């Protein structure tokens, strides 16, 4: 009987430790990094998702080595990732990086990507469905065609 409270305390500590890093990137492998990015992105407010996604891929593009990339993003929260990407953007912009010349600022680039994403979702044939936006479910008409 004396072991039960001790065992409960150990399990509780492990659970709290594991849950404490839910908002940071797990950079142990590229697979875990990509998985944690996906989870973090879904938990962010909609206004910050595009910026976070662009930030992550900007950092990924700037770090050619997997090990260097994983060391850079491991344990970082979304806001640290965004700040790091802004620095990469400024360095690349100053060095004349191709593709950044059409943007005056980081904010303008993010606004353009956000607009492109919205335009993609509005196109016919988009994988984004209007039904899922309303209530999170898709309703199918399962009646036979002859009725």
Protein backbone atom coordinates (compact mmCIF):
# COMPACT_ATOMS: atom_id res chain seq x y z
CA UNK A 1 0.00 0.00 0.00
CA UNK A 2 2.88 2.37 0.63
CA UNK A 3 4.10 1.96 -2.94
CA UNK A 4 0.86 3.14 -4.55
CA UNK A 5 1.27 6.84 -3.66
CA UNK A 6 4.94 6.72 -4.71
CA UNK A 7 4.08 5.05 -8.01
CA UNK A 8 1.29 7.56 -8.59
CA UNK A 9 3.69 10.45 -7.93
CA UNK A 10 6.25 9.06 -10.39
CA UNK A 11 3.63 8.57 -13.11
CA UNK A 12 2.27 12.07 -12.50
CA UNK A 13 5.74 13.61 -12.79
CA UNK A 14 6.44 11.74 -16.01
CA UNK A 15 3.11 12.82 -17.49
CA UNK A 16 3.66 16.46 -16.58
CA UNK A 17 7.18 16.39 -17.98
CA UNK A 18 6.03 14.86 -21.25
CA UNK A 19 3.14 17.31 -21.63
CA UNK A 20 5.28 20.34 -20.85
CA UNK A 21 6.95 20.35 -24.27
CA UNK A 22 3.79 20.18 -26.37
CA UNK A 23 4.40 23.65 -27.79
CA UNK A 24 8.04 23.08 -28.75
CA UNK A 25 9.69 21.32 -31.67
CA UNK A 26 11.01 17.82 -31.09
CA UNK A 27 14.23 17.86 -33.08
CA UNK A 28 15.51 14.37 -32.36
CA UNK A 29 14.89 13.28 -35.96
CA UNK A 30 13.53 14.98 -39.06
CA UNK A 31 10.43 12.82 -38.80
CA UNK A 32 9.68 13.90 -35.23
CA UNK A 33 10.42 17.53 -36.14
CA UNK A 34 7.94 17.45 -39.02
CA UNK A 35 5.35 15.72 -36.85
CA UNK A 36 5.71 18.23 -34.02
CA UNK A 37 5.52 21.14 -36.47
CA UNK A 38 2.22 19.79 -37.77
CA UNK A 39 0.82 19.45 -34.25
CA UNK A 40 2.04 22.89 -33.17
CA UNK A 41 0.62 24.52 -36.30
CA UNK A 42 -2.84 23.08 -35.62
CA UNK A 43 -2.79 24.50 -32.08
CA UNK A 44 -1.83 28.02 -33.18
CA UNK A 45 -4.40 30.72 -33.82
CA UNK A 46 -5.38 30.74 -37.53
CA UNK A 47 -3.72 34.14 -38.07
CA UNK A 48 -0.32 32.74 -37.09
CA UNK A 49 -0.37 29.39 -38.90
CA UNK A 50 0.92 30.59 -42.27
CA UNK A 51 3.67 32.66 -40.67
CA UNK A 52 4.77 29.70 -38.56
CA UNK A 53 4.73 27.33 -41.52
CA UNK A 54 6.70 29.75 -43.72
CA UNK A 55 9.12 30.34 -40.85
CA UNK A 56 9.78 26.65 -40.38
CA UNK A 57 10.46 26.07 -44.07
CA UNK A 58 12.60 29.20 -44.30
CA UNK A 59 14.83 27.85 -41.55
CA UNK A 60 14.80 24.39 -43.15
CA UNK A 61 15.90 25.88 -46.47
CA UNK A 62 18.70 27.87 -44.83
CA UNK A 63 20.16 24.84 -43.02
CA UNK A 64 21.36 22.33 -45.60
CA UNK A 65 22.53 19.73 -43.10
CA UNK A 66 19.84 17.75 -41.28
CA UNK A 67 21.88 17.77 -38.06
CA UNK A 68 22.39 21.54 -38.17
CA UNK A 69 18.70 22.07 -38.88
CA UNK A 70 17.57 19.76 -36.07
CA UNK A 71 19.97 21.40 -33.60
CA UNK A 72 18.59 24.80 -34.60
CA UNK A 73 14.89 24.01 -34.13
CA UNK A 74 15.00 21.47 -31.29
CA UNK A 75 13.13 22.71 -28.23
CA UNK A 76 12.03 25.97 -29.85
CA UNK A 77 8.49 27.27 -29.46
CA UNK A 78 6.54 28.72 -32.41
CA UNK A 79 7.44 32.30 -31.57
CA UNK A 80 11.17 31.50 -31.43
CA UNK A 81 10.89 29.77 -34.82
CA UNK A 82 9.20 32.87 -36.27
CA UNK A 83 11.85 35.19 -34.80
CA UNK A 84 14.66 33.01 -36.18
CA UNK A 85 13.05 33.00 -39.63
CA UNK A 86 12.75 36.78 -39.58
CA UNK A 87 16.50 36.97 -38.98
CA UNK A 88 17.14 34.56 -41.87
CA UNK A 89 14.87 36.67 -44.07
CA UNK A 90 16.76 39.86 -43.16
CA UNK A 91 20.14 38.23 -43.87
CA UNK A 92 18.97 36.83 -47.18
CA UNK A 93 17.25 40.08 -48.18
CA UNK A 94 20.44 42.04 -47.45
CA UNK A 95 22.51 39.60 -49.52
CA UNK A 96 20.13 39.85 -52.49
CA UNK A 97 18.57 36.38 -52.17
CA UNK A 98 16.55 35.59 -55.29
CA UNK A 99 12.83 35.49 -54.58
CA UNK A 100 12.93 38.01 -51.75
CA UNK A 101 13.46 41.03 -53.99
CA UNK A 102 9.71 41.33 -54.61
CA UNK A 103 8.96 41.82 -50.90
CA UNK A 104 9.72 44.97 -48.94
CA UNK A 105 9.36 43.28 -45.56
CA UNK A 106 8.73 39.99 -43.79
CA UNK A 107 5.15 41.08 -43.09
CA UNK A 108 4.51 41.75 -46.77
CA UNK A 109 5.84 38.30 -47.70
CA UNK A 110 3.62 36.59 -45.10
CA UNK A 111 0.60 38.60 -46.26
CA UNK A 112 1.25 37.46 -49.84
CA UNK A 113 1.53 33.80 -48.81
CA UNK A 114 -1.64 34.15 -46.74
CA UNK A 115 -3.49 35.61 -49.73
CA UNK A 116 -2.24 32.79 -51.98
CA UNK A 117 -3.44 30.18 -49.49
CA UNK A 118 -6.89 31.78 -49.32
CA UNK A 119 -7.06 31.91 -53.11
CA UNK A 120 -6.11 28.22 -53.32
CA UNK A 121 -8.89 27.26 -50.92
CA UNK A 122 -11.47 29.19 -52.93
CA UNK A 123 -10.64 27.47 -56.22
CA UNK A 124 -13.04 24.79 -57.46
CA UNK A 125 -11.66 21.36 -56.73
CA UNK A 126 -9.85 22.51 -53.63
CA UNK A 127 -9.43 19.86 -50.95
CA UNK A 128 -10.81 22.31 -48.42
CA UNK A 129 -14.55 21.72 -48.17
CA UNK A 130 -17.10 24.29 -47.13
CA UNK A 131 -19.00 21.67 -45.10
CA UNK A 132 -16.01 21.07 -42.84
CA UNK A 133 -15.66 24.78 -42.10
CA UNK A 134 -19.21 25.00 -40.75
CA UNK A 135 -19.26 22.26 -38.17
CA UNK A 136 -16.17 20.11 -38.64
CA UNK A 137 -18.02 17.23 -40.31
CA UNK A 138 -18.74 16.13 -43.84
CA UNK A 139 -22.26 14.96 -44.62
CA UNK A 140 -22.68 12.39 -47.36
CA UNK A 141 -25.91 11.63 -49.19
CA UNK A 142 -26.11 7.85 -48.82
CA UNK A 143 -29.53 7.42 -50.45
CA UNK A 144 -29.72 5.23 -53.51
CA UNK A 145 -29.81 7.15 -56.81
CA UNK A 146 -33.30 5.83 -57.77
CA UNK A 147 -35.06 7.47 -54.79
